[in-house]
Each structure stands twice: as C-alpha cells, then as structure tokens.
C-alpha atoms as a PDB file:
ATOM      1  CA  MET A   1       8.464   7.355  10.803  1.00  0.00           C
ATOM      2  CA  SER A   2       9.600   6.048   7.066  1.00  0.00           C
ATOM      3  CA  VAL A   3       6.540   5.281   4.514  1.00  0.00           C
ATOM      4  CA  ALA A   4       8.470   2.058   4.637  1.00  0.00           C
ATOM      5  CA  ASP A   5       7.950   1.545   8.307  1.00  0.00           C
ATOM      6  CA  TYR A   6       4.408   2.542   7.928  1.00  0.00           C
ATOM      7  CA  PHE A   7       3.360   0.620   5.602  1.00  0.00           C
ATOM      8  CA  GLY A   8       4.609  -2.375   7.212  1.00  0.00           C
ATOM      9  CA  LYS A   9       3.288  -1.603  10.255  1.00  0.00           C
ATOM     10  CA  VAL A  10      -0.516  -1.253   8.283  1.00  0.00           C
ATOM     11  CA  GLU A  11       0.569  -3.964   6.294  1.00  0.00           C
ATOM     12  CA  LYS A  12       0.843  -6.247   9.911  1.00  0.00           C
ATOM     13  CA  LEU A  13      -3.047  -5.179  11.028  1.00  0.00           C
ATOM     14  CA  TRP A  14      -4.548  -6.165   7.966  1.00  0.00           C
ATOM     15  CA  ASP A  15      -2.493  -9.706   8.049  1.00  0.00           C
ATOM     16  CA  GLN A  16      -3.910 -10.020  11.808  1.00  0.00           C
ATOM     17  CA  LEU A  17      -7.407  -8.867  10.243  1.00  0.00           C
ATOM     18  CA  ALA A  18      -7.521 -11.457   7.222  1.00  0.00           C
ATOM     19  CA  ALA A  19      -7.075 -13.751  10.302  1.00  0.00           C
ATOM     20  CA  ILE A  20      -9.605 -13.222  12.002  1.00  0.00           C
ATOM     21  CA  ASN A  21     -11.956 -12.442   8.808  1.00  0.00           C
ATOM     22  CA  PRO A  22     -10.991 -14.568   6.000  1.00  0.00           C
ATOM     23  CA  VAL A  23     -12.472 -13.311   2.622  1.00  0.00           C
ATOM     24  CA  PRO A  24     -15.237 -15.888   1.589  1.00  0.00           C
ATOM     25  CA  ALA A  25     -14.943 -18.536  -0.814  1.00  0.00           C
ATOM     26  CA  CYS A  26     -17.168 -18.828  -3.415  1.00  0.00           C
ATOM     27  CA  VAL A  27     -17.693 -19.443  -7.011  1.00  0.00           C
ATOM     28  CA  CYS A  28     -20.353 -16.857  -7.066  1.00  0.00           C
ATOM     29  CA  GLY A  29     -17.800 -14.082  -7.451  1.00  0.00           C
ATOM     30  CA  GLU A  30     -18.734 -12.673  -3.841  1.00  0.00           C
ATOM     31  CA  SER A  31     -15.709 -13.390  -2.924  1.00  0.00           C
ATOM     32  CA  GLU A  32     -14.032 -11.394  -5.962  1.00  0.00           C
ATOM     33  CA  GLN A  33     -16.340  -8.393  -5.178  1.00  0.00           C
ATOM     34  CA  PHE A  34     -15.367  -8.969  -1.329  1.00  0.00           C
ATOM     35  CA  GLN A  35     -11.647  -8.540  -2.336  1.00  0.00           C
ATOM     36  CA  LEU A  36     -11.973  -5.672  -4.463  1.00  0.00           C
ATOM     37  CA  LYS A  37     -13.558  -3.644  -1.571  1.00  0.00           C
ATOM     38  CA  LEU A  38     -10.623  -5.064   1.043  1.00  0.00           C
ATOM     39  CA  ASP A  39      -8.227  -3.800  -1.677  1.00  0.00           C
ATOM     40  CA  GLU A  40      -9.916  -0.383  -2.062  1.00  0.00           C
ATOM     41  CA  ASP A  41     -10.341   0.018   1.926  1.00  0.00           C
ATOM     42  CA  LYS A  42      -6.606  -1.155   2.621  1.00  0.00           C
ATOM     43  CA  PHE A  43      -5.627   2.022  -0.068  1.00  0.00           C
ATOM     44  CA  HIS A  44      -7.906   4.595   1.375  1.00  0.00           C
ATOM     45  CA  ASP A  45      -6.397   2.966   5.166  1.00  0.00           C
ATOM     46  CA  PHE A  46      -2.958   3.849   3.732  1.00  0.00           C
ATOM     47  CA  LEU A  47      -3.521   7.203   2.344  1.00  0.00           C
ATOM     48  CA  TYR A  48      -5.786   8.664   5.303  1.00  0.00           C
ATOM     49  CA  GLY A  49      -3.333   7.490   7.867  1.00  0.00           C
ATOM     50  CA  ILE A  50      -0.374   9.267   6.086  1.00  0.00           C
ATOM     51  CA  ASN A  51       1.510  12.445   7.274  1.00  0.00           C
ATOM     52  CA  ARG A  52      -1.027  14.957   5.825  1.00  0.00           C
ATOM     53  CA  GLU A  53       1.685  17.604   6.293  1.00  0.00           C
ATOM     54  CA  ARG A  54       4.506  16.391   4.126  1.00  0.00           C
ATOM     55  CA  TYR A  55       2.266  13.886   1.252  1.00  0.00           C
ATOM     56  CA  GLY A  56      -0.906  15.557   1.698  1.00  0.00           C
ATOM     57  CA  HIS A  57      -0.628  16.770  -2.016  1.00  0.00           C
ATOM     58  CA  LEU A  58      -0.045  13.536  -3.011  1.00  0.00           C
ATOM     59  CA  ARG A  59      -2.551  12.244  -1.144  1.00  0.00           C
ATOM     60  CA  SER A  60      -5.213  14.357  -2.963  1.00  0.00           C
ATOM     61  CA  GLN A  61      -3.768  13.384  -6.194  1.00  0.00           C
ATOM     62  CA  LEU A  62      -4.093   9.990  -5.712  1.00  0.00           C
ATOM     63  CA  LEU A  63      -7.604  10.085  -4.003  1.00  0.00           C
ATOM     64  CA  ALA A  64      -9.241  11.984  -6.482  1.00  0.00           C
ATOM     65  CA  GLN A  65      -7.709   9.246  -9.621  1.00  0.00           C
ATOM     66  CA  ASP A  66     -10.491   6.691 -11.188  1.00  0.00           C
ATOM     67  CA  PRO A  67      -9.932   4.185 -11.435  1.00  0.00           C
ATOM     68  CA  THR A  68      -8.681   4.056  -7.547  1.00  0.00           C
ATOM     69  CA  PRO A  69      -4.892   3.118  -8.074  1.00  0.00           C
ATOM     70  CA  SER A  70      -3.762   0.064  -6.668  1.00  0.00           C
ATOM     71  CA  LEU A  71      -2.297  -0.028  -2.917  1.00  0.00           C
ATOM     72  CA  ASP A  72       1.082  -0.711  -4.416  1.00  0.00           C
ATOM     73  CA  TRP A  73       1.045   2.489  -6.590  1.00  0.00           C
ATOM     74  CA  ALA A  74      -0.054   4.529  -4.033  1.00  0.00           C
ATOM     75  CA  PHE A  75       2.558   2.902  -1.556  1.00  0.00           C
ATOM     76  CA  LYS A  76       5.179   3.341  -4.560  1.00  0.00           C
ATOM     77  CA  ALA A  77       4.434   6.947  -5.140  1.00  0.00           C
ATOM     78  CA  MET A  78       4.507   7.896  -1.688  1.00  0.00           C
ATOM     79  CA  ASN A  79       8.063   6.521  -1.185  1.00  0.00           C
ATOM     80  CA  GLN A  80       9.695   8.130  -4.089  1.00  0.00           C
ATOM     81  CA  GLU A  81       7.767  11.388  -3.099  1.00  0.00           C
ATOM     82  CA  GLU A  82       9.461  10.688   0.341  1.00  0.00           C
ATOM     83  CA  GLN A  83      12.910  10.313  -1.485  1.00  0.00           C
ATOM     84  CA  LEU A  84      12.774  13.851  -2.799  1.00  0.00           C
END
C-alpha cells in the first residue's frame, strides 16, 4: 500500500472519530490544548502504522525531532521517501 493510500485510510478513521468525539468548544484555552494533543496523537498514529521495514529510519528521525513536526510534514517526508 502506498503512503498516500495508507494516509487516506487513516484520515477517514480520524474523521469518523472526530464526528463522535468533537473538539470541545470553549474560550478557556482547553480546546486549543485538546487540538494540539489530538494533532500529536495523529502524528504518532501515522508513524506507528507505517511500514517499519521500508520507512523505519525516517520514522525514527521524525519521532526524535523536538518540537514534534506536523503531520503534514511527516506525510510529505514519507511520500518523498517512497518516490526514491
């Protein structure tokens, strides 16, 4: 399965989860923190589900970065690696 196909499948699951567990709406800042945590969880979900044999080295590099890269950045990096 290609990186784009895998990402599309995972993204559909995230959309379904968001429909049943939406980000809380408030002005206290908790919704922003909730969204940041959700984005970080998606980043880890994506990387932990990717083919380790093919992308293990890049996966390790992305997981070691501080601050955590965006999910979009991780997808683009994996997609570029796939093209090599």
